[in-house]
Amino acid sequence: MEERIVVGISDQKIVRNPDILVSYALGSCVGVCLHDRIVRVAGLAHILLPESKPWDMNEYKYADTAVARLAKDMEKLGCMRYRMTAKISGGANMFYTNGRSVGDKNVEAVKKELARLNIRIVAEDVGGNFGRTLEFDSASGRLIVRSIQRGHIEI
């Protein structure tokens, strides 16, 4: 029987088949979903901000630290970086700083970090001006994105 594991803001979780990762209410935050289809392990990071701060020790909070940590922790469970694929969602235009939305900055930082790690993005649902809830299946790598505005889509 599958278990649904909730991933909160500035957090990450990793599960094995058949469990499902769920993250609620992503606005400007970005959900980074990594999957290794061979070992059927999935990880989800709920990223709040693009760049880490030296005084904040929560590495799960920031794109520039959370993505690498998620990949590294998945490798400890038998995943191989070259087999990992990414799906990203969120990054809505909810708040603006210096003329750019925090959501846009988060998406840009996540994409930069995934590229640095050579992890291919296979699907994304980002931007807009609405929140999202994510359900990520460890067995299939299927990501269901739910929103009030669009219902649900699968990416």
Protein backbone atom coordinates (compact mmCIF):
# COMPACT_ATOMS: atom_id res chain seq x y z
CA MET A 1 0.00 0.00 0.00
CA GLU A 2 1.34 3.38 -0.97
CA GLU A 3 2.01 6.06 1.59
CA ARG A 4 1.58 9.79 0.92
CA ILE A 5 4.51 11.76 2.32
CA VAL A 6 4.05 15.52 2.74
CA VAL A 7 6.91 17.87 1.89
CA GLY A 8 6.63 21.24 3.62
CA ILE A 9 8.07 24.61 2.68
CA SER A 10 11.88 24.67 2.80
CA ASP A 11 12.01 20.90 3.10
CA GLN A 12 12.72 17.81 1.05
CA LYS A 13 11.76 14.16 1.21
CA ILE A 14 12.84 11.04 -0.68
CA VAL A 15 10.70 7.92 -1.11
CA ARG A 16 10.81 4.54 -2.82
CA ASN A 17 8.17 2.79 -4.88
CA PRO A 18 5.16 2.82 -4.29
CA ASP A 19 5.05 5.97 -2.15
CA ILE A 20 3.86 9.38 -3.33
CA LEU A 21 5.29 12.78 -2.41
CA VAL A 22 2.85 15.66 -1.89
CA SER A 23 3.59 19.36 -1.54
CA TYR A 24 0.82 21.88 -0.94
CA ALA A 25 0.33 25.51 -1.86
CA LEU A 26 3.36 26.38 -3.99
CA GLY A 27 3.03 30.03 -4.96
CA SER A 28 6.35 31.63 -5.83
CA CYS A 29 8.07 28.51 -4.42
CA VAL A 30 9.33 25.86 -6.83
CA GLY A 31 8.87 22.14 -6.41
CA VAL A 32 11.82 20.21 -7.79
CA CYS A 33 10.97 16.56 -8.43
CA LEU A 34 13.84 14.17 -9.18
CA HIS A 35 13.28 10.59 -10.28
CA ASP A 36 15.45 7.57 -11.03
CA ARG A 37 13.25 5.21 -13.03
CA ILE A 38 15.53 2.19 -12.58
CA VAL A 39 15.49 2.08 -8.77
CA ARG A 40 12.11 3.86 -8.58
CA VAL A 41 13.22 6.45 -6.10
CA ALA A 42 11.73 9.94 -6.11
CA GLY A 43 12.71 13.10 -4.30
CA LEU A 44 10.92 16.42 -3.93
CA ALA A 45 12.33 19.70 -2.66
CA HIS A 46 9.98 22.63 -1.86
CA ILE A 47 12.25 25.61 -2.52
CA LEU A 48 11.37 29.01 -1.06
CA LEU A 49 14.12 31.33 -2.37
CA PRO A 50 16.82 31.35 -5.06
CA GLU A 51 20.04 32.07 -3.14
CA SER A 52 21.26 30.88 0.24
CA LYS A 53 22.21 33.26 3.03
CA PRO A 54 25.30 32.67 5.17
CA TRP A 55 23.34 33.10 8.40
CA ASP A 56 20.59 30.62 7.46
CA MET A 57 21.61 26.99 7.88
CA ASN A 58 18.49 25.51 6.22
CA GLU A 59 19.95 24.27 2.93
CA TYR A 60 16.54 22.95 1.84
CA LYS A 61 15.20 26.50 1.63
CA TYR A 62 17.30 27.72 -1.30
CA ALA A 63 17.66 26.60 -4.92
CA ASP A 64 21.44 26.93 -4.90
CA THR A 65 21.78 24.41 -2.05
CA ALA A 66 18.61 22.29 -2.01
CA VAL A 67 18.86 20.81 -5.51
CA ALA A 68 22.41 19.51 -5.00
CA ARG A 69 21.53 18.15 -1.56
CA LEU A 70 18.48 16.32 -2.94
CA ALA A 71 20.54 14.72 -5.73
CA LYS A 72 23.29 13.72 -3.28
CA ASP A 73 20.83 12.19 -0.82
CA MET A 74 19.18 10.22 -3.63
CA GLU A 75 22.57 8.88 -4.71
CA LYS A 76 22.99 7.47 -1.19
CA LEU A 77 19.90 5.31 -1.93
CA GLY A 78 21.33 3.86 -5.14
CA CYS A 79 20.27 6.50 -7.65
CA MET A 80 22.69 7.49 -10.38
CA ARG A 81 22.96 11.14 -11.37
CA TYR A 82 23.04 10.31 -15.09
CA ARG A 83 19.68 8.49 -14.76
CA MET A 84 17.95 11.23 -12.79
CA THR A 85 15.36 13.36 -14.52
CA ALA A 86 13.68 16.48 -13.19
CA LYS A 87 10.19 17.91 -13.30
CA ILE A 88 9.63 21.37 -11.89
CA SER A 89 6.50 23.28 -10.99
CA GLY A 90 5.56 26.49 -9.22
CA GLY A 91 7.38 29.79 -9.50
CA ALA A 92 4.19 31.83 -9.77
CA ASN A 93 4.40 35.61 -10.02
CA MET A 94 3.10 36.39 -6.54
CA PHE A 95 5.71 38.81 -5.15
CA TYR A 96 8.12 41.24 -6.79
CA THR A 97 11.55 42.48 -5.70
CA ASN A 98 13.64 44.84 -7.79
CA GLY A 99 11.15 44.63 -10.65
CA ARG A 100 11.33 40.82 -11.00
CA SER A 101 9.07 38.26 -9.42
CA VAL A 102 10.43 35.96 -6.75
CA GLY A 103 8.85 33.09 -8.70
CA ASP A 104 10.84 33.94 -11.85
CA LYS A 105 14.04 34.17 -9.81
CA ASN A 106 13.32 30.80 -8.18
CA VAL A 107 12.71 29.10 -11.53
CA GLU A 108 15.87 30.61 -13.01
CA ALA A 109 17.97 29.48 -10.02
CA VAL A 110 16.53 25.95 -10.09
CA LYS A 111 17.21 25.57 -13.82
CA LYS A 112 20.75 26.86 -13.37
CA GLU A 113 21.46 24.35 -10.59
CA LEU A 114 19.95 21.42 -12.50
CA ALA A 115 22.08 22.31 -15.52
CA ARG A 116 25.19 22.51 -13.33
CA LEU A 117 24.43 19.01 -12.03
CA ASN A 118 23.68 17.69 -15.54
CA ILE A 119 20.15 16.68 -14.56
CA ARG A 120 17.77 16.98 -17.49
CA ILE A 121 14.42 18.73 -17.05
CA VAL A 122 11.82 16.55 -18.80
CA ALA A 123 8.73 18.59 -17.90
CA GLU A 124 7.78 21.87 -16.27
CA ASP A 125 4.71 23.85 -15.27
CA VAL A 126 5.94 27.20 -14.02
CA GLY A 127 4.92 30.85 -13.86
CA GLY A 128 1.41 32.22 -13.97
CA ASN A 129 -0.19 33.91 -10.99
CA PHE A 130 -1.74 30.97 -9.14
CA GLY A 131 -0.76 28.42 -6.54
CA ARG A 132 -0.23 24.73 -7.14
CA THR A 133 -0.27 21.45 -5.23
CA LEU A 134 2.01 18.64 -6.40
CA GLU A 135 1.67 14.85 -6.23
CA PHE A 136 4.79 12.98 -7.39
CA ASP A 137 4.63 9.20 -7.94
CA SER A 138 7.86 7.32 -7.12
CA ALA A 139 6.94 4.30 -9.25
CA SER A 140 6.19 6.06 -12.53
CA GLY A 141 7.71 9.52 -12.11
CA ARG A 142 4.29 10.98 -12.93
CA LEU A 143 3.69 14.47 -11.54
CA ILE A 144 0.13 15.68 -11.03
CA VAL A 145 -0.16 19.46 -10.67
CA ARG A 146 -3.42 20.67 -9.11
CA SER A 147 -4.70 24.24 -9.07
CA ILE A 148 -8.05 25.93 -8.60
CA GLN A 149 -7.61 27.79 -11.88
CA ARG A 150 -6.91 24.74 -14.10
CA GLY A 151 -8.03 21.69 -12.19
CA HIS A 152 -5.24 19.17 -12.57
CA ILE A 153 -2.71 18.36 -15.25
CA GLU A 154 -0.12 15.61 -15.56
CA ILE A 155 3.40 16.46 -16.57
